[in-house]
Amino acid sequence: MAKVFSVERIEKRVPIALSVSIAGHANLPGVESTFTENVSLRGARVVTVRRWRANDRIEFTSNPGEFHARARVAYCQTLSGDGYAIGLEFLEQAGHWVISAPPVPGKSLHG
């Protein structure tokens, strides 16, 4: 009998719809304007019209472009109706993201 393992996320996702752009699809060049379903400090779940493959690398930009990330597609899930949801892991980030790292206990801004 096969064992079933459950993996719990280290970081909880925050349900929020943000306007974003994604690019880098191997077969369908161009930029897709879309939105997030949820976000975390290190990634996001994004709705897309394109089918992506796990481990594809994409460019992710918030709209307006205050945040940019090179990201890895963790999964691509078919949605009911049209479209897909992709889980993204941010690999390299620049700019201000909507979620900040929590403060480190015992550390202050003054040293």
C-alpha atoms as a PDB file:
ATOM      1  CA  MET A   1       0.000   0.000   0.000  1.00  0.00           C
ATOM      2  CA  ALA A   2       1.385   3.391  -0.974  1.00  0.00           C
ATOM      3  CA  LYS A   3       1.897   5.954   1.744  1.00  0.00           C
ATOM      4  CA  VAL A   4       0.411   9.390   1.286  1.00  0.00           C
ATOM      5  CA  PHE A   5       2.416  12.303   2.617  1.00  0.00           C
ATOM      6  CA  SER A   6       1.064  15.743   3.322  1.00  0.00           C
ATOM      7  CA  VAL A   7       3.327  18.745   2.971  1.00  0.00           C
ATOM      8  CA  GLU A   8       2.410  21.906   4.813  1.00  0.00           C
ATOM      9  CA  ARG A   9       3.680  25.255   3.593  1.00  0.00           C
ATOM     10  CA  ILE A  10       6.223  27.007   5.761  1.00  0.00           C
ATOM     11  CA  GLU A  11       4.793  30.374   4.780  1.00  0.00           C
ATOM     12  CA  LYS A  12       1.079  30.924   4.659  1.00  0.00           C
ATOM     13  CA  ARG A  13      -0.383  32.419   1.499  1.00  0.00           C
ATOM     14  CA  VAL A  14      -2.344  35.664   1.673  1.00  0.00           C
ATOM     15  CA  PRO A  15      -5.412  35.700  -0.597  1.00  0.00           C
ATOM     16  CA  ILE A  16      -5.120  38.882  -2.658  1.00  0.00           C
ATOM     17  CA  ALA A  17      -5.735  39.768  -6.304  1.00  0.00           C
ATOM     18  CA  LEU A  18      -2.901  41.892  -7.669  1.00  0.00           C
ATOM     19  CA  SER A  19      -2.384  43.007 -11.247  1.00  0.00           C
ATOM     20  CA  VAL A  20       0.814  41.431 -12.616  1.00  0.00           C
ATOM     21  CA  SER A  21       2.560  40.709 -15.904  1.00  0.00           C
ATOM     22  CA  ILE A  22       4.320  37.465 -16.788  1.00  0.00           C
ATOM     23  CA  ALA A  23       6.579  36.676 -19.728  1.00  0.00           C
ATOM     24  CA  GLY A  24       8.988  34.024 -20.903  1.00  0.00           C
ATOM     25  CA  HIS A  25       6.782  31.300 -22.374  1.00  0.00           C
ATOM     26  CA  ALA A  26       8.853  29.162 -24.758  1.00  0.00           C
ATOM     27  CA  ASN A  27       6.121  28.774 -27.420  1.00  0.00           C
ATOM     28  CA  LEU A  28       4.020  31.902 -26.945  1.00  0.00           C
ATOM     29  CA  PRO A  29       6.232  34.991 -26.787  1.00  0.00           C
ATOM     30  CA  GLY A  30       4.974  38.243 -25.368  1.00  0.00           C
ATOM     31  CA  VAL A  31       3.762  39.618 -22.083  1.00  0.00           C
ATOM     32  CA  GLU A  32       0.541  38.417 -20.453  1.00  0.00           C
ATOM     33  CA  SER A  33      -1.330  40.794 -18.125  1.00  0.00           C
ATOM     34  CA  THR A  34      -3.071  38.813 -15.426  1.00  0.00           C
ATOM     35  CA  PHE A  35      -3.614  38.650 -11.645  1.00  0.00           C
ATOM     36  CA  THR A  36      -2.613  36.743  -8.535  1.00  0.00           C
ATOM     37  CA  GLU A  37      -4.950  34.602  -6.438  1.00  0.00           C
ATOM     38  CA  ASN A  38      -2.656  34.590  -3.431  1.00  0.00           C
ATOM     39  CA  VAL A  39       0.865  35.633  -2.478  1.00  0.00           C
ATOM     40  CA  SER A  40       3.599  34.945   0.034  1.00  0.00           C
ATOM     41  CA  LEU A  41       7.017  36.395   0.723  1.00  0.00           C
ATOM     42  CA  ARG A  42       8.656  33.940  -1.689  1.00  0.00           C
ATOM     43  CA  GLY A  43       6.035  33.337  -4.366  1.00  0.00           C
ATOM     44  CA  ALA A  44       2.547  33.685  -5.794  1.00  0.00           C
ATOM     45  CA  ARG A  45      -0.298  31.754  -7.401  1.00  0.00           C
ATOM     46  CA  VAL A  46      -1.142  33.386 -10.735  1.00  0.00           C
ATOM     47  CA  VAL A  47      -4.023  32.847 -13.161  1.00  0.00           C
ATOM     48  CA  THR A  48      -2.884  32.494 -16.789  1.00  0.00           C
ATOM     49  CA  VAL A  49      -4.309  31.627 -20.212  1.00  0.00           C
ATOM     50  CA  ARG A  50      -1.141  29.732 -21.121  1.00  0.00           C
ATOM     51  CA  ARG A  51      -0.135  26.218 -20.125  1.00  0.00           C
ATOM     52  CA  TRP A  52       3.287  26.260 -18.433  1.00  0.00           C
ATOM     53  CA  ARG A  53       5.595  23.408 -17.509  1.00  0.00           C
ATOM     54  CA  ALA A  54       7.040  22.788 -14.071  1.00  0.00           C
ATOM     55  CA  ASN A  55      10.487  24.402 -13.765  1.00  0.00           C
ATOM     56  CA  ASP A  56       9.881  26.910 -16.600  1.00  0.00           C
ATOM     57  CA  ARG A  57      11.574  30.219 -15.812  1.00  0.00           C
ATOM     58  CA  ILE A  58       9.523  33.373 -16.199  1.00  0.00           C
ATOM     59  CA  GLU A  59       9.727  37.114 -15.636  1.00  0.00           C
ATOM     60  CA  PHE A  60       7.162  38.384 -13.112  1.00  0.00           C
ATOM     61  CA  THR A  61       6.337  42.082 -12.689  1.00  0.00           C
ATOM     62  CA  SER A  62       3.782  43.784 -10.475  1.00  0.00           C
ATOM     63  CA  ASN A  63       1.606  46.458 -12.110  1.00  0.00           C
ATOM     64  CA  PRO A  64       2.672  49.181 -11.649  1.00  0.00           C
ATOM     65  CA  GLY A  65       6.202  47.820 -11.958  1.00  0.00           C
ATOM     66  CA  GLU A  66       7.447  48.350  -8.414  1.00  0.00           C
ATOM     67  CA  PHE A  67       8.478  44.688  -8.089  1.00  0.00           C
ATOM     68  CA  HIS A  68      10.291  42.397 -10.510  1.00  0.00           C
ATOM     69  CA  ALA A  69      11.238  38.759 -10.052  1.00  0.00           C
ATOM     70  CA  ARG A  70      12.759  35.922 -11.983  1.00  0.00           C
ATOM     71  CA  ALA A  71      10.563  32.996 -10.986  1.00  0.00           C
ATOM     72  CA  ARG A  72      10.297  29.227 -11.344  1.00  0.00           C
ATOM     73  CA  VAL A  73       6.993  27.552 -12.175  1.00  0.00           C
ATOM     74  CA  ALA A  74       6.387  25.052  -9.356  1.00  0.00           C
ATOM     75  CA  TYR A  75       3.146  23.687 -10.856  1.00  0.00           C
ATOM     76  CA  CYS A  76       0.552  24.363 -13.532  1.00  0.00           C
ATOM     77  CA  GLN A  77      -3.021  23.403 -12.642  1.00  0.00           C
ATOM     78  CA  THR A  78      -5.988  23.371 -15.048  1.00  0.00           C
ATOM     79  CA  LEU A  79      -8.836  25.567 -13.837  1.00  0.00           C
ATOM     80  CA  SER A  80     -12.500  24.771 -14.397  1.00  0.00           C
ATOM     81  CA  GLY A  81     -13.527  26.573 -17.550  1.00  0.00           C
ATOM     82  CA  ASP A  82     -10.631  28.205 -19.339  1.00  0.00           C
ATOM     83  CA  GLY A  83      -7.150  28.869 -18.097  1.00  0.00           C
ATOM     84  CA  TYR A  84      -4.590  27.659 -15.632  1.00  0.00           C
ATOM     85  CA  ALA A  85      -3.180  28.532 -12.248  1.00  0.00           C
ATOM     86  CA  ILE A  86       0.569  28.477 -11.808  1.00  0.00           C
ATOM     87  CA  GLY A  87       2.492  28.398  -8.584  1.00  0.00           C
ATOM     88  CA  LEU A  88       5.579  30.595  -8.752  1.00  0.00           C
ATOM     89  CA  GLU A  89       8.702  30.521  -6.617  1.00  0.00           C
ATOM     90  CA  PHE A  90      10.631  33.792  -6.706  1.00  0.00           C
ATOM     91  CA  LEU A  91      14.307  33.123  -7.434  1.00  0.00           C
ATOM     92  CA  GLU A  92      15.663  36.681  -7.786  1.00  0.00           C
ATOM     93  CA  GLN A  93      13.712  39.730  -6.639  1.00  0.00           C
ATOM     94  CA  ALA A  94      14.046  43.492  -6.924  1.00  0.00           C
ATOM     95  CA  GLY A  95      11.785  46.245  -5.645  1.00  0.00           C
ATOM     96  CA  HIS A  96       8.993  46.421  -3.111  1.00  0.00           C
ATOM     97  CA  TRP A  97       6.749  43.337  -2.785  1.00  0.00           C
ATOM     98  CA  VAL A  98       3.388  43.481  -0.982  1.00  0.00           C
ATOM     99  CA  ILE A  99       4.641  41.206   1.796  1.00  0.00           C
ATOM    100  CA  SER A 100       7.724  41.957   3.860  1.00  0.00           C
ATOM    101  CA  ALA A 101       9.881  39.618   5.905  1.00  0.00           C
ATOM    102  CA  PRO A 102       8.810  39.516   9.559  1.00  0.00           C
ATOM    103  CA  PRO A 103      11.138  41.255  12.009  1.00  0.00           C
ATOM    104  CA  VAL A 104      13.809  39.115  13.636  1.00  0.00           C
ATOM    105  CA  PRO A 105      13.122  38.741  17.385  1.00  0.00           C
ATOM    106  CA  GLY A 106      15.617  40.656  19.504  1.00  0.00           C
ATOM    107  CA  LYS A 107      16.711  42.928  16.631  1.00  0.00           C
ATOM    108  CA  SER A 108      15.777  46.561  16.317  1.00  0.00           C
ATOM    109  CA  LEU A 109      16.284  49.186  13.655  1.00  0.00           C
ATOM    110  CA  HIS A 110      18.862  50.858  15.913  1.00  0.00           C
ATOM    111  CA  GLY A 111      21.186  47.881  16.317  1.00  0.00           C
END
